[in-house]
PDB file of N, CA and C in Angstrom:
ATOM      1  N   MET A   1     -62.918-125.824  73.047  1.00  0.00           N
ATOM      2  CA  MET A   1     -63.063-127.159  73.599  1.00  0.00           C
ATOM      3  C   MET A   1     -63.258-128.135  72.348  1.00  0.00           C
ATOM      4  N   PRO A   2     -62.553-129.165  72.344  1.00  0.00           N
ATOM      5  CA  PRO A   2     -62.621-130.138  71.235  1.00  0.00           C
ATOM      6  C   PRO A   2     -64.010-130.858  71.202  1.00  0.00           C
ATOM      7  N   ASP A   3     -64.467-131.163  69.986  1.00  0.00           N
ATOM      8  CA  ASP A   3     -65.731-131.823  69.936  1.00  0.00           C
ATOM      9  C   ASP A   3     -65.620-133.276  70.258  1.00  0.00           C
ATOM     10  N   SER A   4     -66.719-133.952  70.462  1.00  0.00           N
ATOM     11  CA  SER A   4     -66.713-135.416  70.923  1.00  0.00           C
ATOM     12  C   SER A   4     -65.984-136.364  69.944  1.00  0.00           C
ATOM     13  N   SER A   5     -66.114-136.066  68.645  1.00  0.00           N
ATOM     14  CA  SER A   5     -65.396-137.033  67.783  1.00  0.00           C
ATOM     15  C   SER A   5     -63.931-136.831  67.865  1.00  0.00           C
ATOM     16  N   SER A   6     -63.462-135.648  68.073  1.00  0.00           N
ATOM     17  CA  SER A   6     -61.967-135.398  68.222  1.00  0.00           C
ATOM     18  C   SER A   6     -61.498-136.020  69.437  1.00  0.00           C
ATOM     19  N   VAL A   7     -62.263-135.975  70.543  1.00  0.00           N
ATOM     20  CA  VAL A   7     -61.839-136.626  71.704  1.00  0.00           C
ATOM     21  C   VAL A   7     -61.825-138.103  71.631  1.00  0.00           C
ATOM     22  N   ASN A   8     -62.860-138.645  70.843  1.00  0.00           N
ATOM     23  CA  ASN A   8     -62.941-140.054  70.647  1.00  0.00           C
ATOM     24  C   ASN A   8     -61.672-140.490  69.771  1.00  0.00           C
ATOM     25  N   HIS A   9     -61.440-139.755  68.761  1.00  0.00           N
ATOM     26  CA  HIS A   9     -60.238-140.071  67.958  1.00  0.00           C
ATOM     27  C   HIS A   9     -58.942-140.042  68.818  1.00  0.00           C
ATOM     28  N   LEU A  10     -58.816-139.049  69.598  1.00  0.00           N
ATOM     29  CA  LEU A  10     -57.649-138.973  70.458  1.00  0.00           C
ATOM     30  C   LEU A  10     -57.512-140.192  71.426  1.00  0.00           C
ATOM     31  N   VAL A  11     -58.588-140.593  72.000  1.00  0.00           N
ATOM     32  CA  VAL A  11     -58.611-141.733  72.872  1.00  0.00           C
ATOM     33  C   VAL A  11     -58.238-142.986  72.175  1.00  0.00           C
ATOM     34  N   ARG A  12     -58.820-143.197  70.989  1.00  0.00           N
ATOM     35  CA  ARG A  12     -58.558-144.448  70.233  1.00  0.00           C
ATOM     36  C   ARG A  12     -56.995-144.417  69.789  1.00  0.00           C
ATOM     37  N   ILE A  13     -56.426-143.287  69.341  1.00  0.00           N
ATOM     38  CA  ILE A  13     -55.080-143.314  68.892  1.00  0.00           C
ATOM     39  C   ILE A  13     -54.213-143.489  70.083  1.00  0.00           C
ATOM     40  N   THR A  14     -54.518-142.798  71.158  1.00  0.00           N
ATOM     41  CA  THR A  14     -53.699-142.937  72.350  1.00  0.00           C
ATOM     42  C   THR A  14     -53.668-144.399  72.803  1.00  0.00           C
ATOM     43  N   ASN A  15     -54.768-145.075  72.781  1.00  0.00           N
ATOM     44  CA  ASN A  15     -54.822-146.460  73.100  1.00  0.00           C
ATOM     45  C   ASN A  15     -53.920-147.371  72.211  1.00  0.00           C
ATOM     46  N   CYS A  16     -53.927-147.045  70.965  1.00  0.00           N
ATOM     47  CA  CYS A  16     -53.086-147.858  70.042  1.00  0.00           C
ATOM     48  C   CYS A  16     -51.622-147.617  70.368  1.00  0.00           C
ATOM     49  N   LEU A  17     -51.271-146.406  70.496  1.00  0.00           N
ATOM     50  CA  LEU A  17     -49.869-146.059  70.760  1.00  0.00           C
ATOM     51  C   LEU A  17     -49.409-146.688  72.118  1.00  0.00           C
ATOM     52  N   GLN A  18     -50.239-146.486  73.140  1.00  0.00           N
ATOM     53  CA  GLN A  18     -49.910-147.097  74.479  1.00  0.00           C
ATOM     54  C   GLN A  18     -49.779-148.624  74.439  1.00  0.00           C
ATOM     55  N   THR A  19     -50.622-149.232  73.724  1.00  0.00           N
ATOM     56  CA  THR A  19     -50.604-150.676  73.566  1.00  0.00           C
ATOM     57  C   THR A  19     -49.259-151.135  72.991  1.00  0.00           C
ATOM     58  N   ILE A  20     -48.797-150.427  71.938  1.00  0.00           N
ATOM     59  CA  ILE A  20     -47.491-150.798  71.379  1.00  0.00           C
ATOM     60  C   ILE A  20     -46.355-150.446  72.351  1.00  0.00           C
ATOM     61  N   LEU A  21     -46.399-149.307  73.019  1.00  0.00           N
ATOM     62  CA  LEU A  21     -45.361-148.939  73.961  1.00  0.00           C
ATOM     63  C   LEU A  21     -45.266-149.935  75.147  1.00  0.00           C
ATOM     64  N   ASP A  22     -46.441-150.466  75.557  1.00  0.00           N
ATOM     65  CA  ASP A  22     -46.451-151.436  76.692  1.00  0.00           C
ATOM     66  C   ASP A  22     -45.660-152.698  76.371  1.00  0.00           C
ATOM     67  N   LEU A  23     -45.357-152.925  75.038  1.00  0.00           N
ATOM     68  CA  LEU A  23     -44.614-154.078  74.642  1.00  0.00           C
ATOM     69  C   LEU A  23     -43.115-153.909  74.752  1.00  0.00           C
ATOM     70  N   GLU A  24     -42.693-152.716  75.109  1.00  0.00           N
ATOM     71  CA  GLU A  24     -41.266-152.370  75.110  1.00  0.00           C
ATOM     72  C   GLU A  24     -40.414-153.344  75.940  1.00  0.00           C
ATOM     73  N   PRO A  25     -40.801-153.766  77.127  1.00  0.00           N
ATOM     74  CA  PRO A  25     -39.951-154.681  77.910  1.00  0.00           C
ATOM     75  C   PRO A  25     -39.806-156.023  77.244  1.00  0.00           C
ATOM     76  N   GLN A  26     -40.833-156.475  76.567  1.00  0.00           N
ATOM     77  CA  GLN A  26     -40.840-157.767  75.883  1.00  0.00           C
ATOM     78  C   GLN A  26     -40.003-157.714  74.587  1.00  0.00           C
ATOM     79  N   LEU A  27     -40.070-156.622  73.821  1.00  0.00           N
ATOM     80  CA  LEU A  27     -39.229-156.415  72.723  1.00  0.00           C
ATOM     81  C   LEU A  27     -37.769-156.352  73.014  1.00  0.00           C
ATOM     82  N   GLU A  28     -37.412-155.796  74.134  1.00  0.00           N
ATOM     83  CA  GLU A  28     -36.013-155.768  74.539  1.00  0.00           C
ATOM     84  C   GLU A  28     -35.417-157.179  74.584  1.00  0.00           C
ATOM     85  N   GLN A  29     -36.327-158.148  74.776  1.00  0.00           N
ATOM     86  CA  GLN A  29     -35.680-159.533  74.983  1.00  0.00           C
ATOM     87  C   GLN A  29     -35.610-160.280  73.622  1.00  0.00           C
ATOM     88  N   LEU A  30     -36.214-159.681  72.557  1.00  0.00           N
ATOM     89  CA  LEU A  30     -36.227-160.312  71.256  1.00  0.00           C
ATOM     90  C   LEU A  30     -34.842-160.089  70.516  1.00  0.00           C
ATOM     91  N   GLU A  31     -34.338-161.009  69.657  1.00  0.00           N
ATOM     92  CA  GLU A  31     -33.078-160.915  68.950  1.00  0.00           C
ATOM     93  C   GLU A  31     -33.066-159.613  68.140  1.00  0.00           C
ATOM     94  N   HIS A  32     -34.106-159.278  67.384  1.00  0.00           N
ATOM     95  CA  HIS A  32     -34.080-158.058  66.638  1.00  0.00           C
ATOM     96  C   HIS A  32     -34.971-156.982  67.178  1.00  0.00           C
ATOM     97  N   GLY A  33     -35.298-157.131  68.463  1.00  0.00           N
ATOM     98  CA  GLY A  33     -36.160-156.106  69.071  1.00  0.00           C
ATOM     99  C   GLY A  33     -35.546-154.792  69.135  1.00  0.00           C
ATOM    100  N   ASN A  34     -34.273-154.624  69.190  1.00  0.00           N
ATOM    101  CA  ASN A  34     -33.685-153.343  69.375  1.00  0.00           C
ATOM    102  C   ASN A  34     -33.878-152.443  68.168  1.00  0.00           C
ATOM    103  N   SER A  35     -34.048-152.976  66.963  1.00  0.00           N
ATOM    104  CA  SER A  35     -34.308-152.159  65.843  1.00  0.00           C
ATOM    105  C   SER A  35     -35.738-151.574  65.993  1.00  0.00           C
ATOM    106  N   LEU A  36     -36.669-152.200  66.614  1.00  0.00           N
ATOM    107  CA  LEU A  36     -37.952-151.684  66.847  1.00  0.00           C
ATOM    108  C   LEU A  36     -37.965-150.702  67.959  1.00  0.00           C
ATOM    109  N   LEU A  37     -37.142-150.868  68.920  1.00  0.00           N
ATOM    110  CA  LEU A  37     -37.075-150.007  70.100  1.00  0.00           C
ATOM    111  C   LEU A  37     -36.549-148.583  69.659  1.00  0.00           C
ATOM    112  N   ASP A  38     -35.892-148.483  68.652  1.00  0.00           N
ATOM    113  CA  ASP A  38     -35.408-147.210  68.188  1.00  0.00           C
ATOM    114  C   ASP A  38     -36.651-146.321  67.761  1.00  0.00           C
ATOM    115  N   GLU A  39     -37.631-147.050  67.247  1.00  0.00           N
ATOM    116  CA  GLU A  39     -38.868-146.324  66.814  1.00  0.00           C
ATOM    117  C   GLU A  39     -39.698-145.930  67.982  1.00  0.00           C
ATOM    118  N   PHE A  40     -39.453-146.428  69.121  1.00  0.00           N
ATOM    119  CA  PHE A  40     -40.285-146.160  70.252  1.00  0.00           C
ATOM    120  C   PHE A  40     -40.202-144.714  70.687  1.00  0.00           C
ATOM    121  N   ALA A  41     -38.967-144.208  70.510  1.00  0.00           N
ATOM    122  CA  ALA A  41     -38.759-142.734  70.820  1.00  0.00           C
ATOM    123  C   ALA A  41     -39.632-141.868  70.015  1.00  0.00           C
ATOM    124  N   VAL A  42     -39.783-142.248  68.720  1.00  0.00           N
ATOM    125  CA  VAL A  42     -40.696-141.492  67.833  1.00  0.00           C
ATOM    126  C   VAL A  42     -42.093-141.587  68.268  1.00  0.00           C
ATOM    127  N   LEU A  43     -42.516-142.833  68.677  1.00  0.00           N
ATOM    128  CA  LEU A  43     -43.944-143.031  69.158  1.00  0.00           C
ATOM    129  C   LEU A  43     -44.179-142.225  70.382  1.00  0.00           C
ATOM    130  N   LYS A  44     -43.175-142.288  71.366  1.00  0.00           N
ATOM    131  CA  LYS A  44     -43.408-141.476  72.598  1.00  0.00           C
ATOM    132  C   LYS A  44     -43.414-140.040  72.347  1.00  0.00           C
ATOM    133  N   SER A  45     -42.641-139.562  71.412  1.00  0.00           N
ATOM    134  CA  SER A  45     -42.715-138.168  71.054  1.00  0.00           C
ATOM    135  C   SER A  45     -44.028-137.764  70.456  1.00  0.00           C
ATOM    136  N   PHE A  46     -44.452-138.611  69.588  1.00  0.00           N
ATOM    137  CA  PHE A  46     -45.849-138.367  68.943  1.00  0.00           C
ATOM    138  C   PHE A  46     -46.935-138.455  69.917  1.00  0.00           C
ATOM    139  N   LEU A  47     -46.837-139.318  70.902  1.00  0.00           N
ATOM    140  CA  LEU A  47     -47.858-139.480  71.889  1.00  0.00           C
ATOM    141  C   LEU A  47     -47.991-138.240  72.793  1.00  0.00           C
ATOM    142  N   GLU A  48     -46.797-137.522  73.034  1.00  0.00           N
ATOM    143  CA  GLU A  48     -46.865-136.294  73.737  1.00  0.00           C
ATOM    144  C   GLU A  48     -47.493-135.172  73.109  1.00  0.00           C
ATOM    145  N   LYS A  49     -47.491-135.246  71.704  1.00  0.00           N
ATOM    146  CA  LYS A  49     -48.118-134.193  70.855  1.00  0.00           C
ATOM    147  C   LYS A  49     -49.426-134.547  70.289  1.00  0.00           C
ATOM    148  N   ILE A  50     -49.992-135.696  70.510  1.00  0.00           N
ATOM    149  CA  ILE A  50     -51.178-136.213  69.833  1.00  0.00           C
ATOM    150  C   ILE A  50     -52.355-135.292  69.977  1.00  0.00           C
ATOM    151  N   ASP A  51     -52.516-134.590  71.101  1.00  0.00           N
ATOM    152  CA  ASP A  51     -53.655-133.710  71.256  1.00  0.00           C
ATOM    153  C   ASP A  51     -53.663-132.475  70.323  1.00  0.00           C
ATOM    154  N   LYS A  52     -52.528-132.306  69.617  1.00  0.00           N
ATOM    155  CA  LYS A  52     -52.466-131.179  68.738  1.00  0.00           C
ATOM    156  C   LYS A  52     -52.617-131.577  67.249  1.00  0.00           C
ATOM    157  N   VAL A  53     -52.857-132.849  67.035  1.00  0.00           N
ATOM    158  CA  VAL A  53     -53.000-133.410  65.667  1.00  0.00           C
ATOM    159  C   VAL A  53     -54.499-133.596  65.346  1.00  0.00           C
ATOM    160  N   GLU A  54     -54.784-133.085  64.100  1.00  0.00           N
ATOM    161  CA  GLU A  54     -56.108-133.319  63.623  1.00  0.00           C
ATOM    162  C   GLU A  54     -56.201-134.657  62.876  1.00  0.00           C
ATOM    163  N   LEU A  55     -57.141-135.565  63.288  1.00  0.00           N
ATOM    164  CA  LEU A  55     -57.254-136.854  62.730  1.00  0.00           C
ATOM    165  C   LEU A  55     -58.685-137.104  62.291  1.00  0.00           C
ATOM    166  N   SER A  56     -58.809-137.688  61.085  1.00  0.00           N
ATOM    167  CA  SER A  56     -60.084-138.060  60.610  1.00  0.00           C
ATOM    168  C   SER A  56     -60.410-139.476  61.039  1.00  0.00           C
ATOM    169  N   GLU A  57     -61.670-139.830  60.842  1.00  0.00           N
ATOM    170  CA  GLU A  57     -62.024-141.319  61.175  1.00  0.00           C
ATOM    171  C   GLU A  57     -61.135-142.254  60.343  1.00  0.00           C
ATOM    172  N   ALA A  58     -60.889-141.913  59.098  1.00  0.00           N
ATOM    173  CA  ALA A  58     -60.083-142.786  58.228  1.00  0.00           C
ATOM    174  C   ALA A  58     -58.659-142.998  58.753  1.00  0.00           C
ATOM    175  N   ASP A  59     -58.131-141.811  59.292  1.00  0.00           N
ATOM    176  CA  ASP A  59     -56.772-141.890  59.839  1.00  0.00           C
ATOM    177  C   ASP A  59     -56.790-142.863  61.070  1.00  0.00           C
ATOM    178  N   VAL A  60     -57.762-142.651  61.880  1.00  0.00           N
ATOM    179  CA  VAL A  60     -57.831-143.464  63.064  1.00  0.00           C
ATOM    180  C   VAL A  60     -57.990-144.964  62.819  1.00  0.00           C
ATOM    181  N   GLU A  61     -58.905-145.242  61.828  1.00  0.00           N
ATOM    182  CA  GLU A  61     -59.060-146.626  61.472  1.00  0.00           C
ATOM    183  C   GLU A  61     -57.771-147.279  60.863  1.00  0.00           C
ATOM    184  N   ARG A  62     -57.037-146.438  60.052  1.00  0.00           N
ATOM    185  CA  ARG A  62     -55.818-146.935  59.442  1.00  0.00           C
ATOM    186  C   ARG A  62     -54.813-147.220  60.542  1.00  0.00           C
ATOM    187  N   ILE A  63     -54.699-146.425  61.647  1.00  0.00           N
ATOM    188  CA  ILE A  63     -53.822-146.571  62.655  1.00  0.00           C
ATOM    189  C   ILE A  63     -54.263-147.859  63.556  1.00  0.00           C
ATOM    190  N   GLU A  64     -55.532-148.047  63.736  1.00  0.00           N
ATOM    191  CA  GLU A  64     -56.015-149.160  64.472  1.00  0.00           C
ATOM    192  C   GLU A  64     -55.776-150.420  63.690  1.00  0.00           C
ATOM    193  N   THR A  65     -55.862-150.404  62.400  1.00  0.00           N
ATOM    194  CA  THR A  65     -55.590-151.636  61.599  1.00  0.00           C
ATOM    195  C   THR A  65     -54.085-151.895  61.586  1.00  0.00           C
ATOM    196  N   ALA A  66     -53.285-150.837  61.503  1.00  0.00           N
ATOM    197  CA  ALA A  66     -51.722-151.028  61.465  1.00  0.00           C
ATOM    198  C   ALA A  66     -51.360-151.606  62.875  1.00  0.00           C
ATOM    199  N   THR A  67     -51.932-151.098  63.976  1.00  0.00           N
ATOM    200  CA  THR A  67     -51.607-151.609  65.309  1.00  0.00           C
ATOM    201  C   THR A  67     -51.954-153.082  65.388  1.00  0.00           C
ATOM    202  N   SER A  68     -53.186-153.439  64.950  1.00  0.00           N
ATOM    203  CA  SER A  68     -53.627-154.841  64.998  1.00  0.00           C
ATOM    204  C   SER A  68     -52.698-155.763  64.284  1.00  0.00           C
ATOM    205  N   ASN A  69     -52.287-155.284  62.984  1.00  0.00           N
ATOM    206  CA  ASN A  69     -51.350-156.090  62.180  1.00  0.00           C
ATOM    207  C   ASN A  69     -50.003-156.220  62.877  1.00  0.00           C
ATOM    208  N   PHE A  70     -49.549-155.182  63.491  1.00  0.00           N
ATOM    209  CA  PHE A  70     -48.229-155.164  64.158  1.00  0.00           C
ATOM    210  C   PHE A  70     -48.286-156.107  65.324  1.00  0.00           C
ATOM    211  N   LEU A  71     -49.347-156.185  66.115  1.00  0.00           N
ATOM    212  CA  LEU A  71     -49.500-157.091  67.225  1.00  0.00           C
ATOM    213  C   LEU A  71     -49.542-158.567  66.721  1.00  0.00           C
ATOM    214  N   LYS A  72     -50.323-158.859  65.669  1.00  0.00           N
ATOM    215  CA  LYS A  72     -50.353-160.182  65.011  1.00  0.00           C
ATOM    216  C   LYS A  72     -48.884-160.623  64.611  1.00  0.00           C
ATOM    217  N   GLU A  73     -48.181-159.729  64.006  1.00  0.00           N
ATOM    218  CA  GLU A  73     -46.774-160.045  63.565  1.00  0.00           C
ATOM    219  C   GLU A  73     -45.907-160.447  64.698  1.00  0.00           C
ATOM    220  N   LEU A  74     -46.115-159.757  65.890  1.00  0.00           N
ATOM    221  CA  LEU A  74     -45.286-160.081  67.008  1.00  0.00           C
ATOM    222  C   LEU A  74     -45.725-161.312  67.804  1.00  0.00           C
ATOM    223  N   GLU A  75     -46.944-161.813  67.595  1.00  0.00           N
ATOM    224  CA  GLU A  75     -47.357-162.950  68.402  1.00  0.00           C
ATOM    225  C   GLU A  75     -46.367-164.100  68.343  1.00  0.00           C
ATOM    226  N   GLY A  76     -45.951-164.524  67.152  1.00  0.00           N
ATOM    227  CA  GLY A  76     -44.997-165.532  67.039  1.00  0.00           C
ATOM    228  C   GLY A  76     -43.699-165.363  67.846  1.00  0.00           C
ATOM    229  N   PRO A  77     -43.008-164.270  67.481  1.00  0.00           N
ATOM    230  CA  PRO A  77     -41.702-164.046  68.170  1.00  0.00           C
ATOM    231  C   PRO A  77     -41.848-163.940  69.761  1.00  0.00           C
ATOM    232  N   LEU A  78     -42.957-163.217  70.103  1.00  0.00           N
ATOM    233  CA  LEU A  78     -43.156-163.006  71.612  1.00  0.00           C
ATOM    234  C   LEU A  78     -43.511-164.307  72.295  1.00  0.00           C
ATOM    235  N   THR A  79     -44.267-165.249  71.607  1.00  0.00           N
ATOM    236  CA  THR A  79     -44.593-166.475  72.127  1.00  0.00           C
ATOM    237  C   THR A  79     -43.391-167.407  72.287  1.00  0.00           C
ATOM    238  N   LYS A  80     -42.640-167.371  71.227  1.00  0.00           N
ATOM    239  CA  LYS A  80     -41.395-168.156  71.291  1.00  0.00           C
ATOM    240  C   LYS A  80     -40.447-167.792  72.407  1.00  0.00           C
ATOM    241  N   ASN A  81     -40.397-166.468  72.665  1.00  0.00           N
ATOM    242  CA  ASN A  81     -39.457-165.925  73.611  1.00  0.00           C
ATOM    243  C   ASN A  81     -40.031-165.948  75.099  1.00  0.00           C
ATOM    244  N   LYS A  82     -41.222-166.267  75.255  1.00  0.00           N
ATOM    245  CA  LYS A  82     -41.895-166.297  76.568  1.00  0.00           C
ATOM    246  C   LYS A  82     -41.329-167.408  77.487  1.00  0.00           C
ATOM    247  N   PRO A  83     -40.850-167.037  78.614  1.00  0.00           N
ATOM    248  CA  PRO A  83     -40.341-168.045  79.508  1.00  0.00           C
ATOM    249  C   PRO A  83     -41.427-169.063  79.900  1.00  0.00           C
ATOM    250  N   ARG A  84     -41.032-170.263  80.000  1.00  0.00           N
ATOM    251  CA  ARG A  84     -42.043-171.257  80.302  1.00  0.00           C
ATOM    252  C   ARG A  84     -42.330-171.259  81.841  1.00  0.00           C
ATOM    253  N   ARG A  85     -43.586-171.477  82.147  1.00  0.00           N
ATOM    254  CA  ARG A  85     -44.011-171.543  83.519  1.00  0.00           C
ATOM    255  C   ARG A  85     -43.667-172.874  84.058  1.00  0.00           C
ATOM    256  N   ASN A  86     -43.472-172.933  85.342  1.00  0.00           N
ATOM    257  CA  ASN A  86     -43.208-174.302  86.043  1.00  0.00           C
ATOM    258  C   ASN A  86     -44.172-175.300  85.720  1.00  0.00           C
ATOM    259  N   SER A  87     -45.418-174.949  85.560  1.00  0.00           N
ATOM    260  CA  SER A  87     -46.464-175.984  85.230  1.00  0.00           C
ATOM    261  C   SER A  87     -46.267-176.584  83.843  1.00  0.00           C
ATOM    262  N   ASP A  88     -45.588-175.847  82.928  1.00  0.00           N
ATOM    263  CA  ASP A  88     -45.425-176.314  81.602  1.00  0.00           C
ATOM    264  C   ASP A  88     -44.232-177.259  81.507  1.00  0.00           C
ATOM    265  N   ARG A  89     -43.432-177.275  82.458  1.00  0.00           N
ATOM    266  CA  ARG A  89     -42.228-178.139  82.377  1.00  0.00           C
ATOM    267  C   ARG A  89     -42.525-179.608  82.775  1.00  0.00           C
ATOM    268  N   ARG A  90     -41.952-180.467  82.003  1.00  0.00           N
ATOM    269  CA  ARG A  90     -42.118-181.870  82.332  1.00  0.00           C
ATOM    270  C   ARG A  90     -40.956-182.415  83.180  1.00  0.00           C
ATOM    271  N   PHE A  91     -41.360-183.198  84.081  1.00  0.00           N
ATOM    272  CA  PHE A  91     -40.377-183.841  85.038  1.00  0.00           C
ATOM    273  C   PHE A  91     -40.190-185.294  84.557  1.00  0.00           C
ATOM    274  N   GLN A  92     -38.978-185.674  84.577  1.00  0.00           N
ATOM    275  CA  GLN A  92     -38.627-187.178  84.175  1.00  0.00           C
ATOM    276  C   GLN A  92     -38.194-187.897  85.274  1.00  0.00           C
TER     277      GLN A  92
END
């Protein structure tokens, strides 16, 4: 049975990977999103095997930081590509 720190690491890494994978539909709509989508197959494969990987706290922190940085980088492109809501439209 894995110890509690291993389970905690697993949960945190799974959360990071799932957060990124949840962006797949939005990335499909971006001009250069397809290049990122190719990497999603690798992430999905890794996620399926994550319970067999030994991770240290430093590894987990590095992945969390990378995930946060990735999400910040996508804020601009995803915001620009977001369809406007009816309430945002101006009527003349």
